[in-house]
Amino acid sequence: MASAEGNRSSRVKAFQTAGEDVAVDAYFVNIGRDGLGEIQGLLTLLRGAPLLQQTIDAIPIPVSVLNPRAQAVMINRWWTEYLGGDADCALGNRHGELLGCIHVGEGPDGCGTSRHCGRCGAAISFVASQQEQGQSIRTYRLDRDTPDGVESTEFLVASTPIQVGGRSFTIVALLELDPRKVRELHHL
C-alpha cells in the first residue's frame, strides 16, 4: 500500500469518544466504542503475548488486532507505514476510518454503522469470524475520496478470532488485489 497522503491523524481521531461507552443505533451492528484508556490497556495486554507483535510485523501486508468493537488495538509495521509512521493514530479507530472510506461519516458511530456497512466484506468478515469463532475470508471494494475523486480499491480480508489473557480479539489482514485477480476470485 502506498504511503498516506497528508496527515491522517486529524481525520481518523474524529470518531474517537472521550472514553465513555457509547452504544448507537447502526445499520450493521451496534458496536459502540471503548475509550482510549481501555484501548491502551488492551494494547498492554497484547504486548505481553509472546511473539504476537513480531508475528504480525513479519506479514508483508497490513495486519491489525481489533477488539470486539472493531477498533484497532495493535497494528503491524505495514499499517504504521501506511499511516505515515504514526501508529498511535490507529488506536481506537476502525479500518474504514483509517483507509478513508467515503461512508464513514454516514453512520452514527463511523465505520461499521452506516447503511453501506451491511454489504462491506470487511465488516461481514469481522462479524462472521466473531460469531462463528473461526476464520472468515471475504473480498470487498473500498471507495475513498482522493484529490482526483472517488477511488475504488479491491481487498481480500481475512479475520481470525484469538484469545489473549481471557479477552477476545480478532486479527484482520488486508491484501490489496489487482483488478484481474478480483475477476478470477469471483469466478471460483
Protein backbone atom coordinates (compact mmCIF):
# COMPACT_ATOMS: atom_id res chain seq x y z
CA MET A 1 0.00 0.00 0.00
CA ALA A 2 1.25 3.43 -0.79
CA SER A 3 2.06 5.92 1.93
CA ALA A 4 -0.88 8.04 3.04
CA GLU A 5 -1.31 11.49 1.56
CA GLY A 6 -1.45 14.28 4.10
CA ASN A 7 -1.94 13.89 7.81
CA ARG A 8 -4.41 11.10 8.62
CA SER A 9 -4.26 11.73 12.38
CA SER A 10 -6.73 14.60 12.39
CA ARG A 11 -9.28 12.77 10.26
CA VAL A 12 -9.24 9.38 11.97
CA LYS A 13 -9.42 10.72 15.52
CA ALA A 14 -12.72 12.46 14.77
CA PHE A 15 -14.65 9.29 15.69
CA GLN A 16 -12.87 8.52 18.96
CA THR A 17 -15.04 9.05 22.01
CA ALA A 18 -13.89 10.77 25.18
CA GLY A 19 -13.77 7.44 26.99
CA GLU A 20 -17.45 6.79 27.53
CA ASP A 21 -19.01 3.51 26.47
CA VAL A 22 -21.31 4.54 23.64
CA ALA A 23 -23.98 2.24 22.21
CA VAL A 24 -25.54 3.51 19.00
CA ASP A 25 -28.24 2.52 16.58
CA ALA A 26 -26.46 1.32 13.49
CA TYR A 27 -27.35 -0.29 10.21
CA PHE A 28 -24.95 -3.21 10.51
CA VAL A 29 -24.04 -3.76 14.15
CA ASN A 30 -24.40 -1.87 17.42
CA ILE A 31 -20.78 -1.87 18.43
CA GLY A 32 -20.16 1.40 20.27
CA ARG A 33 -16.60 2.22 21.25
CA ASP A 34 -14.13 1.63 24.03
CA GLY A 35 -12.35 4.74 25.31
CA LEU A 36 -8.67 5.36 24.63
CA GLY A 37 -7.71 4.31 28.18
CA GLU A 38 -9.36 0.90 27.68
CA ILE A 39 -7.68 0.54 24.25
CA GLN A 40 -4.27 1.33 25.77
CA GLY A 41 -4.90 -1.26 28.49
CA LEU A 42 -5.73 -3.85 25.84
CA LEU A 43 -2.57 -2.91 23.93
CA THR A 44 -0.53 -3.56 27.08
CA LEU A 45 -2.21 -6.96 27.39
CA LEU A 46 -1.43 -7.80 23.75
CA ARG A 47 2.19 -6.66 24.09
CA GLY A 48 2.53 -9.28 26.83
CA ALA A 49 1.52 -12.06 24.42
CA PRO A 50 4.72 -13.82 23.34
CA LEU A 51 5.70 -13.04 19.74
CA LEU A 52 2.34 -11.50 18.72
CA GLN A 53 3.79 -8.16 17.56
CA GLN A 54 6.76 -9.87 15.88
CA THR A 55 4.45 -12.30 14.11
CA ILE A 56 2.13 -9.67 12.67
CA ASP A 57 5.13 -7.49 11.74
CA ALA A 58 6.52 -10.42 9.72
CA ILE A 59 3.46 -10.45 7.46
CA PRO A 60 4.07 -8.11 4.47
CA ILE A 61 0.55 -6.67 4.31
CA PRO A 62 -1.49 -4.54 6.74
CA VAL A 63 -2.48 -6.63 9.77
CA SER A 64 -4.26 -5.38 12.86
CA VAL A 65 -5.61 -6.80 16.08
CA LEU A 66 -9.12 -5.50 16.80
CA ASN A 67 -11.21 -5.51 19.95
CA PRO A 68 -14.81 -6.85 19.83
CA ARG A 69 -15.99 -3.37 18.77
CA ALA A 70 -13.78 -3.48 15.65
CA GLN A 71 -11.36 -0.87 17.00
CA ALA A 72 -7.65 -1.17 16.26
CA VAL A 73 -5.66 -2.11 19.35
CA MET A 74 -2.41 -3.24 17.71
CA ILE A 75 -1.15 -2.80 14.15
CA ASN A 76 1.83 -4.14 12.28
CA ARG A 77 4.61 -2.14 10.67
CA TRP A 78 2.87 -2.16 7.28
CA TRP A 79 -0.12 -0.32 8.76
CA THR A 80 2.25 2.06 10.55
CA GLU A 81 3.97 2.85 7.24
CA TYR A 82 0.62 3.43 5.55
CA LEU A 83 -0.34 5.85 8.34
CA GLY A 84 2.82 7.87 7.78
CA GLY A 85 4.70 6.42 10.75
CA ASP A 86 2.06 7.31 13.35
CA ALA A 87 0.91 4.02 14.89
CA ASP A 88 -0.84 5.87 17.72
CA CYS A 89 -3.35 7.44 15.33
CA ALA A 90 -4.71 3.94 14.64
CA LEU A 91 -5.58 3.21 18.28
CA GLY A 92 -9.33 3.03 18.79
CA ASN A 93 -10.19 3.60 15.14
CA ARG A 94 -11.77 1.20 12.68
CA HIS A 95 -10.47 0.14 9.27
CA GLY A 96 -12.82 2.32 7.23
CA GLU A 97 -11.70 5.36 9.20
CA LEU A 98 -8.03 4.54 8.70
CA LEU A 99 -8.45 3.85 4.98
CA GLY A 100 -10.67 6.87 4.29
CA CYS A 101 -13.89 5.05 3.33
CA ILE A 102 -16.41 7.52 1.87
CA HIS A 103 -19.21 6.02 4.00
CA VAL A 104 -17.58 6.59 7.42
CA GLY A 105 -19.41 9.85 8.04
CA GLU A 106 -22.82 8.43 7.11
CA GLY A 107 -23.28 6.26 10.21
CA PRO A 108 -23.89 7.43 13.76
CA ASP A 109 -20.58 5.99 15.01
CA GLY A 110 -18.27 5.88 11.99
CA CYS A 111 -17.08 2.72 10.31
CA GLY A 112 -19.45 -0.22 10.72
CA THR A 113 -22.57 1.84 11.37
CA SER A 114 -23.79 3.17 8.01
CA ARG A 115 -26.34 1.52 5.74
CA HIS A 116 -23.49 0.58 3.38
CA CYS A 117 -21.68 -1.48 6.03
CA GLY A 118 -24.10 -4.41 5.67
CA ARG A 119 -22.56 -5.05 2.24
CA CYS A 120 -18.95 -4.38 3.25
CA GLY A 121 -16.85 -7.53 3.03
CA ALA A 122 -14.52 -6.29 5.77
CA ALA A 123 -17.39 -5.73 8.20
CA ILE A 124 -19.01 -9.04 7.24
CA SER A 125 -15.71 -10.89 7.66
CA PHE A 126 -15.13 -9.36 11.10
CA VAL A 127 -18.62 -10.15 12.39
CA ALA A 128 -18.66 -13.66 10.87
CA SER A 129 -15.33 -14.56 12.48
CA GLN A 130 -16.65 -13.48 15.88
CA GLN A 131 -19.98 -15.28 15.52
CA GLU A 132 -18.54 -18.48 14.08
CA GLN A 133 -15.31 -18.41 16.14
CA GLY A 134 -13.33 -19.27 13.04
CA GLN A 135 -11.54 -17.58 10.20
CA SER A 136 -13.66 -15.67 7.70
CA ILE A 137 -12.30 -14.56 4.33
CA ARG A 138 -14.09 -12.13 2.01
CA THR A 139 -13.40 -9.71 -0.79
CA TYR A 140 -14.61 -6.15 -0.69
CA ARG A 141 -14.36 -2.87 -2.53
CA LEU A 142 -13.37 0.22 -0.61
CA ASP A 143 -14.44 3.56 -2.05
CA ARG A 144 -12.42 6.50 -0.76
CA ASP A 145 -12.10 10.17 -1.55
CA THR A 146 -8.89 11.28 -3.21
CA PRO A 147 -7.85 14.64 -4.70
CA ASP A 148 -8.81 13.15 -8.09
CA GLY A 149 -12.27 11.99 -6.98
CA VAL A 150 -13.56 8.69 -5.59
CA GLU A 151 -11.11 5.82 -5.93
CA SER A 152 -12.15 2.17 -5.60
CA THR A 153 -9.75 -0.47 -4.33
CA GLU A 154 -10.45 -4.18 -4.02
CA PHE A 155 -9.21 -6.09 -0.98
CA LEU A 156 -9.15 -9.64 0.27
CA VAL A 157 -9.74 -9.57 4.03
CA ALA A 158 -9.13 -12.42 6.46
CA SER A 159 -10.48 -12.16 10.01
CA THR A 160 -9.40 -14.66 12.65
CA PRO A 161 -10.54 -14.67 16.29
CA ILE A 162 -7.96 -15.10 19.05
CA GLN A 163 -7.97 -15.09 22.85
CA VAL A 164 -5.30 -13.30 24.89
CA GLY A 165 -5.49 -13.17 28.66
CA GLY A 166 -9.10 -14.34 28.59
CA ARG A 167 -10.11 -11.47 26.27
CA SER A 168 -11.42 -11.80 22.71
CA PHE A 169 -9.69 -10.14 19.77
CA THR A 170 -9.74 -10.51 16.01
CA ILE A 171 -6.67 -10.48 13.79
CA VAL A 172 -7.52 -8.83 10.47
CA ALA A 173 -5.25 -8.99 7.42
CA LEU A 174 -5.86 -6.88 4.29
CA LEU A 175 -4.48 -7.76 0.88
CA GLU A 176 -4.94 -5.19 -1.87
CA LEU A 177 -5.98 -7.05 -5.00
CA ASP A 178 -5.07 -6.49 -8.60
CA PRO A 179 -8.33 -5.98 -10.59
CA ARG A 180 -7.51 -9.05 -12.75
CA LYS A 181 -7.20 -11.19 -9.62
CA VAL A 182 -10.58 -9.93 -8.41
CA ARG A 183 -12.24 -11.21 -11.59
CA GLU A 184 -10.51 -14.57 -11.13
CA LEU A 185 -11.67 -14.83 -7.49
CA HIS A 186 -15.26 -14.10 -8.45
CA HIS A 187 -15.17 -16.92 -11.00
CA LEU A 188 -14.08 -19.52 -8.41
